[in-house]
Amino acid sequence: MKMNRRGFMKACGVMAGYAVLGVNLTKEAVASAMDFVAMRQKSVYNADAKLYKFRKSQDNPMIKKIYDPKKGFLHDGPCGHKSHHLLHTHYIDRSAHLQALKKKGLKFKI
């Protein structure tokens, strides 16, 4: 079946119409989703503001007391030696041991 110029132009017009319709529907769907995200974010922030007395840890009086330079437990500050030793973790590579266990035939359910 051969298509003449008029049939080709008609098919292109129909396809362009559907493309424009699809773009407009997608644009509206994305805009409504973003409105929902904005409403959800606003409600979460409002709930946090009502629920928590201290939203930032540096405003909490107990944290201030712990880091007090004169009589606090971590008196050398948030980046001091004692706080680093107690509050920070260190990475230990255990992959070689894991590979050795796998070679022995042990199977893990991860």
PDB file of N, CA and C in Angstrom:
ATOM      1  N   MET A   1       0.847  -1.178   0.000  1.00  0.00           N
ATOM      2  CA  MET A   1       0.000   0.000   0.000  1.00  0.00           C
ATOM      3  C   MET A   1       0.888   1.234   0.000  1.00  0.00           C
ATOM      4  N   LYS A   2       0.633   2.072  -0.965  1.00  0.00           N
ATOM      5  CA  LYS A   2       1.404   3.308  -1.065  1.00  0.00           C
ATOM      6  C   LYS A   2       0.685   4.404  -0.308  1.00  0.00           C
ATOM      7  N   MET A   3       1.482   5.302   0.278  1.00  0.00           N
ATOM      8  CA  MET A   3       0.896   6.443   0.985  1.00  0.00           C
ATOM      9  C   MET A   3       1.205   7.700   0.185  1.00  0.00           C
ATOM     10  N   ASN A   4       0.179   8.462  -0.079  1.00  0.00           N
ATOM     11  CA  ASN A   4       0.406   9.702  -0.811  1.00  0.00           C
ATOM     12  C   ASN A   4       0.719  10.831   0.168  1.00  0.00           C
ATOM     13  N   ARG A   5       1.012  11.981  -0.380  1.00  0.00           N
ATOM     14  CA  ARG A   5       1.396  13.140   0.437  1.00  0.00           C
ATOM     15  C   ARG A   5       0.292  13.526   1.407  1.00  0.00           C
ATOM     16  N   ARG A   6      -0.941  13.554   0.960  1.00  0.00           N
ATOM     17  CA  ARG A   6      -2.065  13.947   1.809  1.00  0.00           C
ATOM     18  C   ARG A   6      -2.235  12.964   2.975  1.00  0.00           C
ATOM     19  N   GLY A   7      -2.129  11.671   2.729  1.00  0.00           N
ATOM     20  CA  GLY A   7      -2.242  10.662   3.788  1.00  0.00           C
ATOM     21  C   GLY A   7      -1.103  10.782   4.796  1.00  0.00           C
ATOM     22  N   PHE A   8       0.107  11.052   4.254  1.00  0.00           N
ATOM     23  CA  PHE A   8       1.267  11.225   5.127  1.00  0.00           C
ATOM     24  C   PHE A   8       1.085  12.432   6.050  1.00  0.00           C
ATOM     25  N   MET A   9       0.642  13.553   5.502  1.00  0.00           N
ATOM     26  CA  MET A   9       0.429  14.767   6.303  1.00  0.00           C
ATOM     27  C   MET A   9      -0.665  14.543   7.348  1.00  0.00           C
ATOM     28  N   LYS A  10      -1.699  13.811   6.970  1.00  0.00           N
ATOM     29  CA  LYS A  10      -2.777  13.518   7.904  1.00  0.00           C
ATOM     30  C   LYS A  10      -2.268  12.648   9.062  1.00  0.00           C
ATOM     31  N   ALA A  11      -1.476  11.633   8.755  1.00  0.00           N
ATOM     32  CA  ALA A  11      -0.918  10.757   9.790  1.00  0.00           C
ATOM     33  C   ALA A  11       0.024  11.539  10.708  1.00  0.00           C
ATOM     34  N   CYS A  12       0.849  12.403  10.118  1.00  0.00           N
ATOM     35  CA  CYS A  12       1.751  13.230  10.940  1.00  0.00           C
ATOM     36  C   CYS A  12       0.971  14.167  11.842  1.00  0.00           C
ATOM     37  N   GLY A  13      -0.114  14.740  11.355  1.00  0.00           N
ATOM     38  CA  GLY A  13      -0.940  15.624  12.173  1.00  0.00           C
ATOM     39  C   GLY A  13      -1.566  14.885  13.342  1.00  0.00           C
ATOM     40  N   VAL A  14      -2.053  13.672  13.092  1.00  0.00           N
ATOM     41  CA  VAL A  14      -2.649  12.868  14.171  1.00  0.00           C
ATOM     42  C   VAL A  14      -1.597  12.507  15.211  1.00  0.00           C
ATOM     43  N   MET A  15      -0.420  12.084  14.753  1.00  0.00           N
ATOM     44  CA  MET A  15       0.653  11.722  15.691  1.00  0.00           C
ATOM     45  C   MET A  15       1.108  12.935  16.502  1.00  0.00           C
ATOM     46  N   ALA A  16       1.214  14.093  15.863  1.00  0.00           N
ATOM     47  CA  ALA A  16       1.611  15.304  16.582  1.00  0.00           C
ATOM     48  C   ALA A  16       0.562  15.677  17.617  1.00  0.00           C
ATOM     49  N   GLY A  17      -0.699  15.515  17.281  1.00  0.00           N
ATOM     50  CA  GLY A  17      -1.767  15.805  18.249  1.00  0.00           C
ATOM     51  C   GLY A  17      -1.682  14.905  19.471  1.00  0.00           C
ATOM     52  N   TYR A  18      -1.478  13.608  19.233  1.00  0.00           N
ATOM     53  CA  TYR A  18      -1.335  12.683  20.366  1.00  0.00           C
ATOM     54  C   TYR A  18      -0.085  12.989  21.185  1.00  0.00           C
ATOM     55  N   ALA A  19       0.998  13.392  20.522  1.00  0.00           N
ATOM     56  CA  ALA A  19       2.226  13.732  21.241  1.00  0.00           C
ATOM     57  C   ALA A  19       2.006  14.947  22.137  1.00  0.00           C
ATOM     58  N   VAL A  20       1.348  15.970  21.613  1.00  0.00           N
ATOM     59  CA  VAL A  20       1.066  17.176  22.405  1.00  0.00           C
ATOM     60  C   VAL A  20       0.148  16.840  23.578  1.00  0.00           C
ATOM     61  N   LEU A  21      -0.853  16.009  23.325  1.00  0.00           N
ATOM     62  CA  LEU A  21      -1.766  15.592  24.386  1.00  0.00           C
ATOM     63  C   LEU A  21      -1.013  14.825  25.479  1.00  0.00           C
ATOM     64  N   GLY A  22      -0.127  13.926  25.069  1.00  0.00           N
ATOM     65  CA  GLY A  22       0.669  13.168  26.033  1.00  0.00           C
ATOM     66  C   GLY A  22       1.574  14.052  26.861  1.00  0.00           C
ATOM     67  N   VAL A  23       2.200  15.028  26.210  1.00  0.00           N
ATOM     68  CA  VAL A  23       3.081  15.957  26.934  1.00  0.00           C
ATOM     69  C   VAL A  23       2.278  16.768  27.942  1.00  0.00           C
ATOM     70  N   ASN A  24       1.115  17.254  27.544  1.00  0.00           N
ATOM     71  CA  ASN A  24       0.292  18.045  28.464  1.00  0.00           C
ATOM     72  C   ASN A  24      -0.189  17.217  29.650  1.00  0.00           C
ATOM     73  N   LEU A  25      -0.600  15.973  29.397  1.00  0.00           N
ATOM     74  CA  LEU A  25      -1.040  15.109  30.497  1.00  0.00           C
ATOM     75  C   LEU A  25       0.106  14.803  31.453  1.00  0.00           C
ATOM     76  N   THR A  26       1.288  14.546  30.888  1.00  0.00           N
ATOM     77  CA  THR A  26       2.463  14.274  31.720  1.00  0.00           C
ATOM     78  C   THR A  26       2.818  15.499  32.550  1.00  0.00           C
ATOM     79  N   LYS A  27       2.764  16.672  31.934  1.00  0.00           N
ATOM     80  CA  LYS A  27       3.091  17.913  32.644  1.00  0.00           C
ATOM     81  C   LYS A  27       2.134  18.143  33.813  1.00  0.00           C
ATOM     82  N   GLU A  28       0.844  17.896  33.585  1.00  0.00           N
ATOM     83  CA  GLU A  28      -0.144  18.065  34.652  1.00  0.00           C
ATOM     84  C   GLU A  28       0.073  17.044  35.772  1.00  0.00           C
ATOM     85  N   ALA A  29       0.393  15.809  35.404  1.00  0.00           N
ATOM     86  CA  ALA A  29       0.627  14.773  36.416  1.00  0.00           C
ATOM     87  C   ALA A  29       1.848  15.105  37.272  1.00  0.00           C
ATOM     88  N   VAL A  30       2.914  15.569  36.630  1.00  0.00           N
ATOM     89  CA  VAL A  30       4.128  15.932  37.376  1.00  0.00           C
ATOM     90  C   VAL A  30       3.846  17.117  38.293  1.00  0.00           C
ATOM     91  N   ALA A  31       3.102  18.098  37.810  1.00  0.00           N
ATOM     92  CA  ALA A  31       2.790  19.279  38.625  1.00  0.00           C
ATOM     93  C   ALA A  31       1.953  18.891  39.840  1.00  0.00           C
ATOM     94  N   SER A  32       0.981  18.001  39.665  1.00  0.00           N
ATOM     95  CA  SER A  32       0.168  17.594  40.821  1.00  0.00           C
ATOM     96  C   SER A  32       0.986  16.762  41.799  1.00  0.00           C
ATOM     97  N   ALA A  33       1.911  15.946  41.293  1.00  0.00           N
ATOM     98  CA  ALA A  33       2.781  15.169  42.186  1.00  0.00           C
ATOM     99  C   ALA A  33       3.683  16.104  42.988  1.00  0.00           C
ATOM    100  N   MET A  34       4.212  17.128  42.353  1.00  0.00           N
ATOM    101  CA  MET A  34       5.076  18.071  43.061  1.00  0.00           C
ATOM    102  C   MET A  34       4.290  18.863  44.100  1.00  0.00           C
ATOM    103  N   ASP A  35       3.031  19.192  43.794  1.00  0.00           N
ATOM    104  CA  ASP A  35       2.187  19.859  44.790  1.00  0.00           C
ATOM    105  C   ASP A  35       1.978  18.961  46.001  1.00  0.00           C
ATOM    106  N   PHE A  36       1.755  17.662  45.755  1.00  0.00           N
ATOM    107  CA  PHE A  36       1.585  16.721  46.857  1.00  0.00           C
ATOM    108  C   PHE A  36       2.856  16.634  47.698  1.00  0.00           C
ATOM    109  N   VAL A  37       4.015  16.589  47.043  1.00  0.00           N
ATOM    110  CA  VAL A  37       5.288  16.516  47.764  1.00  0.00           C
ATOM    111  C   VAL A  37       5.474  17.763  48.618  1.00  0.00           C
ATOM    112  N   ALA A  38       5.147  18.922  48.080  1.00  0.00           N
ATOM    113  CA  ALA A  38       5.282  20.167  48.840  1.00  0.00           C
ATOM    114  C   ALA A  38       4.349  20.189  50.044  1.00  0.00           C
ATOM    115  N   MET A  39       3.096  19.720  49.866  1.00  0.00           N
ATOM    116  CA  MET A  39       2.158  19.671  51.000  1.00  0.00           C
ATOM    117  C   MET A  39       2.649  18.693  52.066  1.00  0.00           C
ATOM    118  N   ARG A  40       3.150  17.545  51.638  1.00  0.00           N
ATOM    119  CA  ARG A  40       3.652  16.530  52.582  1.00  0.00           C
ATOM    120  C   ARG A  40       4.855  17.070  53.350  1.00  0.00           C
ATOM    121  N   GLN A  41       5.762  17.718  52.656  1.00  0.00           N
ATOM    122  CA  GLN A  41       6.945  18.275  53.301  1.00  0.00           C
ATOM    123  C   GLN A  41       6.557  19.338  54.323  1.00  0.00           C
ATOM    124  N   LYS A  42       5.630  20.190  53.968  1.00  0.00           N
ATOM    125  CA  LYS A  42       5.184  21.238  54.886  1.00  0.00           C
ATOM    126  C   LYS A  42       4.530  20.629  56.132  1.00  0.00           C
ATOM    127  N   SER A  43       3.718  19.588  55.952  1.00  0.00           N
ATOM    128  CA  SER A  43       3.055  18.975  57.101  1.00  0.00           C
ATOM    129  C   SER A  43       4.056  18.260  58.006  1.00  0.00           C
ATOM    130  N   VAL A  44       5.080  17.638  57.431  1.00  0.00           N
ATOM    131  CA  VAL A  44       6.104  16.975  58.247  1.00  0.00           C
ATOM    132  C   VAL A  44       6.887  18.006  59.056  1.00  0.00           C
ATOM    133  N   TYR A  45       7.255  19.111  58.428  1.00  0.00           N
ATOM    134  CA  TYR A  45       7.982  20.156  59.154  1.00  0.00           C
ATOM    135  C   TYR A  45       7.119  20.756  60.269  1.00  0.00           C
ATOM    136  N   ASN A  46       5.843  20.972  59.997  1.00  0.00           N
ATOM    137  CA  ASN A  46       4.951  21.501  61.034  1.00  0.00           C
ATOM    138  C   ASN A  46       4.789  20.524  62.184  1.00  0.00           C
ATOM    139  N   ALA A  47       4.670  19.229  61.882  1.00  0.00           N
ATOM    140  CA  ALA A  47       4.549  18.220  62.929  1.00  0.00           C
ATOM    141  C   ALA A  47       5.817  18.174  63.779  1.00  0.00           C
ATOM    142  N   ASP A  48       6.979  18.257  63.130  1.00  0.00           N
ATOM    143  CA  ASP A  48       8.240  18.267  63.874  1.00  0.00           C
ATOM    144  C   ASP A  48       8.334  19.488  64.784  1.00  0.00           C
ATOM    145  N   ALA A  49       7.917  20.627  64.271  1.00  0.00           N
ATOM    146  CA  ALA A  49       7.998  21.856  65.065  1.00  0.00           C
ATOM    147  C   ALA A  49       7.108  21.773  66.297  1.00  0.00           C
ATOM    148  N   LYS A  50       5.959  21.121  66.174  1.00  0.00           N
ATOM    149  CA  LYS A  50       5.051  20.997  67.318  1.00  0.00           C
ATOM    150  C   LYS A  50       5.481  19.896  68.268  1.00  0.00           C
ATOM    151  N   LEU A  51       6.064  18.825  67.740  1.00  0.00           N
ATOM    152  CA  LEU A  51       6.369  17.648  68.533  1.00  0.00           C
ATOM    153  C   LEU A  51       7.664  17.783  69.329  1.00  0.00           C
ATOM    154  N   TYR A  52       8.687  18.352  68.724  1.00  0.00           N
ATOM    155  CA  TYR A  52      10.004  18.393  69.357  1.00  0.00           C
ATOM    156  C   TYR A  52      10.304  19.780  69.906  1.00  0.00           C
ATOM    157  N   LYS A  53      10.759  19.788  71.132  1.00  0.00           N
ATOM    158  CA  LYS A  53      11.107  21.055  71.769  1.00  0.00           C
ATOM    159  C   LYS A  53      12.415  21.599  71.193  1.00  0.00           C
ATOM    160  N   PHE A  54      13.383  20.696  70.967  1.00  0.00           N
ATOM    161  CA  PHE A  54      14.682  21.091  70.420  1.00  0.00           C
ATOM    162  C   PHE A  54      14.874  20.369  69.096  1.00  0.00           C
ATOM    163  N   ARG A  55      14.737  21.104  68.012  1.00  0.00           N
ATOM    164  CA  ARG A  55      14.873  20.486  66.694  1.00  0.00           C
ATOM    165  C   ARG A  55      16.328  20.345  66.277  1.00  0.00           C
ATOM    166  N   LYS A  56      17.206  21.141  66.840  1.00  0.00           N
ATOM    167  CA  LYS A  56      18.624  21.059  66.519  1.00  0.00           C
ATOM    168  C   LYS A  56      19.362  20.576  67.763  1.00  0.00           C
ATOM    169  N   SER A  57      20.267  19.639  67.595  1.00  0.00           N
ATOM    170  CA  SER A  57      20.953  19.066  68.749  1.00  0.00           C
ATOM    171  C   SER A  57      21.802  20.106  69.481  1.00  0.00           C
ATOM    172  N   GLN A  58      22.334  21.092  68.768  1.00  0.00           N
ATOM    173  CA  GLN A  58      23.165  22.095  69.440  1.00  0.00           C
ATOM    174  C   GLN A  58      22.354  23.016  70.349  1.00  0.00           C
ATOM    175  N   ASP A  59      21.008  23.010  70.223  1.00  0.00           N
ATOM    176  CA  ASP A  59      20.161  23.804  71.107  1.00  0.00           C
ATOM    177  C   ASP A  59      19.710  23.028  72.337  1.00  0.00           C
ATOM    178  N   ASN A  60      19.963  21.731  72.386  1.00  0.00           N
ATOM    179  CA  ASN A  60      19.546  20.897  73.503  1.00  0.00           C
ATOM    180  C   ASN A  60      20.416  21.200  74.726  1.00  0.00           C
ATOM    181  N   PRO A  61      19.804  21.537  75.881  1.00  0.00           N
ATOM    182  CA  PRO A  61      20.607  21.877  77.060  1.00  0.00           C
ATOM    183  C   PRO A  61      21.433  20.707  77.586  1.00  0.00           C
ATOM    184  N   MET A  62      20.981  19.472  77.393  1.00  0.00           N
ATOM    185  CA  MET A  62      21.775  18.325  77.851  1.00  0.00           C
ATOM    186  C   MET A  62      23.049  18.178  77.024  1.00  0.00           C
ATOM    187  N   ILE A  63      22.966  18.436  75.744  1.00  0.00           N
ATOM    188  CA  ILE A  63      24.160  18.380  74.894  1.00  0.00           C
ATOM    189  C   ILE A  63      25.120  19.496  75.287  1.00  0.00           C
ATOM    190  N   LYS A  64      24.571  20.672  75.546  1.00  0.00           N
ATOM    191  CA  LYS A  64      25.422  21.782  75.993  1.00  0.00           C
ATOM    192  C   LYS A  64      26.114  21.438  77.300  1.00  0.00           C
ATOM    193  N   LYS A  65      25.409  20.751  78.202  1.00  0.00           N
ATOM    194  CA  LYS A  65      25.982  20.367  79.494  1.00  0.00           C
ATOM    195  C   LYS A  65      27.093  19.327  79.320  1.00  0.00           C
ATOM    196  N   ILE A  66      26.897  18.379  78.410  1.00  0.00           N
ATOM    197  CA  ILE A  66      27.916  17.351  78.170  1.00  0.00           C
ATOM    198  C   ILE A  66      29.200  17.971  77.621  1.00  0.00           C
ATOM    199  N   TYR A  67      29.069  18.953  76.736  1.00  0.00           N
ATOM    200  CA  TYR A  67      30.232  19.577  76.116  1.00  0.00           C
ATOM    201  C   TYR A  67      30.701  20.835  76.841  1.00  0.00           C
ATOM    202  N   ASP A  68      30.215  21.088  78.035  1.00  0.00           N
ATOM    203  CA  ASP A  68      30.624  22.270  78.807  1.00  0.00           C
ATOM    204  C   ASP A  68      32.136  22.232  79.057  1.00  0.00           C
ATOM    205  N   PRO A  69      32.874  23.295  78.693  1.00  0.00           N
ATOM    206  CA  PRO A  69      34.335  23.282  78.839  1.00  0.00           C
ATOM    207  C   PRO A  69      34.823  23.172  80.282  1.00  0.00           C
ATOM    208  N   LYS A  70      34.009  23.579  81.249  1.00  0.00           N
ATOM    209  CA  LYS A  70      34.473  23.582  82.632  1.00  0.00           C
ATOM    210  C   LYS A  70      34.171  22.276  83.367  1.00  0.00           C
ATOM    211  N   LYS A  71      32.957  21.754  83.207  1.00  0.00           N
ATOM    212  CA  LYS A  71      32.624  20.562  83.989  1.00  0.00           C
ATOM    213  C   LYS A  71      31.872  19.496  83.195  1.00  0.00           C
ATOM    214  N   GLY A  72      31.912  19.557  81.883  1.00  0.00           N
ATOM    215  CA  GLY A  72      31.230  18.571  81.057  1.00  0.00           C
ATOM    216  C   GLY A  72      32.050  17.309  80.884  1.00  0.00           C
ATOM    217  N   PHE A  73      31.358  16.194  80.593  1.00  0.00           N
ATOM    218  CA  PHE A  73      32.031  14.910  80.399  1.00  0.00           C
ATOM    219  C   PHE A  73      32.948  14.947  79.182  1.00  0.00           C
ATOM    220  N   LEU A  74      32.492  15.560  78.119  1.00  0.00           N
ATOM    221  CA  LEU A  74      33.302  15.702  76.907  1.00  0.00           C
ATOM    222  C   LEU A  74      33.807  17.135  76.810  1.00  0.00           C
ATOM    223  N   HIS A  75      34.521  17.557  77.843  1.00  0.00           N
ATOM    224  CA  HIS A  75      34.920  18.958  77.990  1.00  0.00           C
ATOM    225  C   HIS A  75      35.903  19.435  76.931  1.00  0.00           C
ATOM    226  N   ASP A  76      36.545  18.525  76.196  1.00  0.00           N
ATOM    227  CA  ASP A  76      37.483  18.967  75.167  1.00  0.00           C
ATOM    228  C   ASP A  76      36.796  19.322  73.851  1.00  0.00           C
ATOM    229  N   GLY A  77      35.456  19.315  73.820  1.00  0.00           N
ATOM    230  CA  GLY A  77      34.695  19.790  72.668  1.00  0.00           C
ATOM    231  C   GLY A  77      34.211  18.679  71.758  1.00  0.00           C
ATOM    232  N   PRO A  78      33.353  19.039  70.807  1.00  0.00           N
ATOM    233  CA  PRO A  78      32.768  18.051  69.902  1.00  0.00           C
ATOM    234  C   PRO A  78      33.803  17.350  69.022  1.00  0.00           C
ATOM    235  N   CYS A  79      34.915  17.989  68.729  1.00  0.00           N
ATOM    236  CA  CYS A  79      35.940  17.368  67.887  1.00  0.00           C
ATOM    237  C   CYS A  79      37.166  16.980  68.701  1.00  0.00           C
ATOM    238  N   GLY A  80      36.989  16.871  70.006  1.00  0.00           N
ATOM    239  CA  GLY A  80      38.103  16.526  70.879  1.00  0.00           C
ATOM    240  C   GLY A  80      38.437  15.044  70.836  1.00  0.00           C
ATOM    241  N   HIS A  81      39.529  14.684  71.544  1.00  0.00           N
ATOM    242  CA  HIS A  81      40.014  13.309  71.538  1.00  0.00           C
ATOM    243  C   HIS A  81      39.009  12.343  72.171  1.00  0.00           C
ATOM    244  N   LYS A  82      38.460  12.709  73.321  1.00  0.00           N
ATOM    245  CA  LYS A  82      37.553  11.805  74.029  1.00  0.00           C
ATOM    246  C   LYS A  82      36.259  11.589  73.244  1.00  0.00           C
ATOM    247  N   SER A  83      35.683  12.649  72.713  1.00  0.00           N
ATOM    248  CA  SER A  83      34.447  12.500  71.938  1.00  0.00           C
ATOM    249  C   SER A  83      34.708  11.696  70.665  1.00  0.00           C
ATOM    250  N   HIS A  84      35.851  11.903  70.043  1.00  0.00           N
ATOM    251  CA  HIS A  84      36.182  11.130  68.848  1.00  0.00           C
ATOM    252  C   HIS A  84      36.318   9.647  69.193  1.00  0.00           C
ATOM    253  N   HIS A  85      36.978   9.349  70.291  1.00  0.00           N
ATOM    254  CA  HIS A  85      37.181   7.964  70.708  1.00  0.00           C
ATOM    255  C   HIS A  85      35.855   7.283  71.058  1.00  0.00           C
ATOM    256  N   LEU A  86      34.954   7.991  71.716  1.00  0.00           N
ATOM    257  CA  LEU A  86      33.707   7.385  72.176  1.00  0.00           C
ATOM    258  C   LEU A  86      32.592   7.369  71.128  1.00  0.00           C
ATOM    259  N   LEU A  87      32.540   8.367  70.263  1.00  0.00           N
ATOM    260  CA  LEU A  87      31.385   8.538  69.384  1.00  0.00           C
ATOM    261  C   LEU A  87      31.616   8.159  67.929  1.00  0.00           C
ATOM    262  N   HIS A  88      32.848   7.915  67.526  1.00  0.00           N
ATOM    263  CA  HIS A  88      33.118   7.613  66.124  1.00  0.00           C
ATOM    264  C   HIS A  88      33.430   6.131  65.941  1.00  0.00           C
ATOM    265  N   THR A  89      33.082   5.618  64.773  1.00  0.00           N
ATOM    266  CA  THR A  89      33.346   4.220  64.457  1.00  0.00           C
ATOM    267  C   THR A  89      34.498   4.127  63.469  1.00  0.00           C
ATOM    268  N   HIS A  90      35.060   2.949  63.368  1.00  0.00           N
ATOM    269  CA  HIS A  90      36.176   2.717  62.463  1.00  0.00           C
ATOM    270  C   HIS A  90      35.856   1.516  61.591  1.00  0.00           C
ATOM    271  N   TYR A  91      36.267   1.563  60.354  1.00  0.00           N
ATOM    272  CA  TYR A  91      36.011   0.496  59.399  1.00  0.00           C
ATOM    273  C   TYR A  91      37.068  -0.582  59.532  1.00  0.00           C
ATOM    274  N   ILE A  92      36.620  -1.828  59.570  1.00  0.00           N
ATOM    275  CA  ILE A  92      37.523  -2.972  59.598  1.00  0.00           C
ATOM    276  C   ILE A  92      37.174  -3.839  58.398  1.00  0.00           C
ATOM    277  N   ASP A  93      38.146  -4.085  57.542  1.00  0.00           N
ATOM    278  CA  ASP A  93      37.913  -4.897  56.347  1.00  0.00           C
ATOM    279  C   ASP A  93      37.914  -6.371  56.730  1.00  0.00           C
ATOM    280  N   ARG A  94      36.756  -6.999  56.583  1.00  0.00           N
ATOM    281  CA  ARG A  94      36.626  -8.418  56.928  1.00  0.00           C
ATOM    282  C   ARG A  94      36.358  -9.271  55.688  1.00  0.00           C
ATOM    283  N   SER A  95      36.582  -8.721  54.531  1.00  0.00           N
ATOM    284  CA  SER A  95      36.252  -9.440  53.301  1.00  0.00           C
ATOM    285  C   SER A  95      37.148 -10.661  53.096  1.00  0.00           C
ATOM    286  N   ALA A  96      38.419 -10.616  53.498  1.00  0.00           N
ATOM    287  CA  ALA A  96      39.313 -11.767  53.325  1.00  0.00           C
ATOM    288  C   ALA A  96      38.827 -12.941  54.173  1.00  0.00           C
ATOM    289  N   HIS A  97      38.403 -12.675  55.387  1.00  0.00           N
ATOM    290  CA  HIS A  97      37.884 -13.724  56.261  1.00  0.00           C
ATOM    291  C   HIS A  97      36.590 -14.301  55.683  1.00  0.00           C
ATOM    292  N   LEU A  98      35.760 -13.451  55.146  1.00  0.00           N
ATOM    293  CA  LEU A  98      34.505 -13.886  54.532  1.00  0.00           C
ATOM    294  C   LEU A  98      34.779 -14.768  53.313  1.00  0.00           C
ATOM    295  N   GLN A  99      35.736 -14.394  52.490  1.00  0.00           N
ATOM    296  CA  GLN A  99      36.093 -15.201  51.323  1.00  0.00           C
ATOM    297  C   GLN A  99      36.630 -16.565  51.748  1.00  0.00           C
ATOM    298  N   ALA A 100      37.417 -16.609  52.819  1.00  0.00           N
ATOM    299  CA  ALA A 100      37.945 -17.886  53.310  1.00  0.00           C
ATOM    300  C   ALA A 100      36.808 -18.794  53.772  1.00  0.00           C
ATOM    301  N   LEU A 101      35.817 -18.233  54.437  1.00  0.00           N
ATOM    302  CA  LEU A 101      34.675 -19.036  54.878  1.00  0.00           C
ATOM    303  C   LEU A 101      33.866 -19.543  53.686  1.00  0.00           C
ATOM    304  N   LYS A 102      33.729 -18.722  52.647  1.00  0.00           N
ATOM    305  CA  LYS A 102      33.002 -19.146  51.452  1.00  0.00           C
ATOM    306  C   LYS A 102      33.738 -20.277  50.730  1.00  0.00           C
ATOM    307  N   LYS A 103      35.084 -20.236  50.718  1.00  0.00           N
ATOM    308  CA  LYS A 103      35.858 -21.293  50.081  1.00  0.00           C
ATOM    309  C   LYS A 103      35.709 -22.612  50.814  1.00  0.00           C
ATOM    310  N   LYS A 104      35.488 -22.543  52.128  1.00  0.00           N
ATOM    311  CA  LYS A 104      35.268 -23.766  52.907  1.00  0.00           C
ATOM    312  C   LYS A 104      33.889 -24.366  52.654  1.00  0.00           C
ATOM    313  N   GLY A 105      33.011 -23.617  51.985  1.00  0.00           N
ATOM    314  CA  GLY A 105      31.690 -24.128  51.659  1.00  0.00           C
ATOM    315  C   GLY A 105      30.558 -23.552  52.483  1.00  0.00           C
ATOM    316  N   LEU A 106      30.850 -22.583  53.308  1.00  0.00           N
ATOM    317  CA  LEU A 106      29.794 -21.968  54.125  1.00  0.00           C
ATOM    318  C   LEU A 106      28.980 -21.035  53.239  1.00  0.00           C
ATOM    319  N   LYS A 107      27.646 -21.153  53.338  1.00  0.00           N
ATOM    320  CA  LYS A 107      26.769 -20.308  52.524  1.00  0.00           C
ATOM    321  C   LYS A 107      26.065 -19.308  53.430  1.00  0.00           C
ATOM    322  N   PHE A 108      25.999 -18.084  52.962  1.00  0.00           N
ATOM    323  CA  PHE A 108      25.368 -17.003  53.733  1.00  0.00           C
ATOM    324  C   PHE A 108      24.047 -16.606  53.112  1.00  0.00           C
ATOM    325  N   LYS A 109      23.076 -16.320  53.944  1.00  0.00           N
ATOM    326  CA  LYS A 109      21.797 -15.806  53.476  1.00  0.00           C
ATOM    327  C   LYS A 109      21.759 -14.320  53.761  1.00  0.00           C
ATOM    328  N   ILE A 110      22.153 -13.549  52.779  1.00  0.00           N
ATOM    329  CA  ILE A 110      22.215 -12.096  52.960  1.00  0.00           C
ATOM    330  C   ILE A 110      21.174 -11.447  52.105  1.00  0.00           C
TER     331      ILE A 110
END
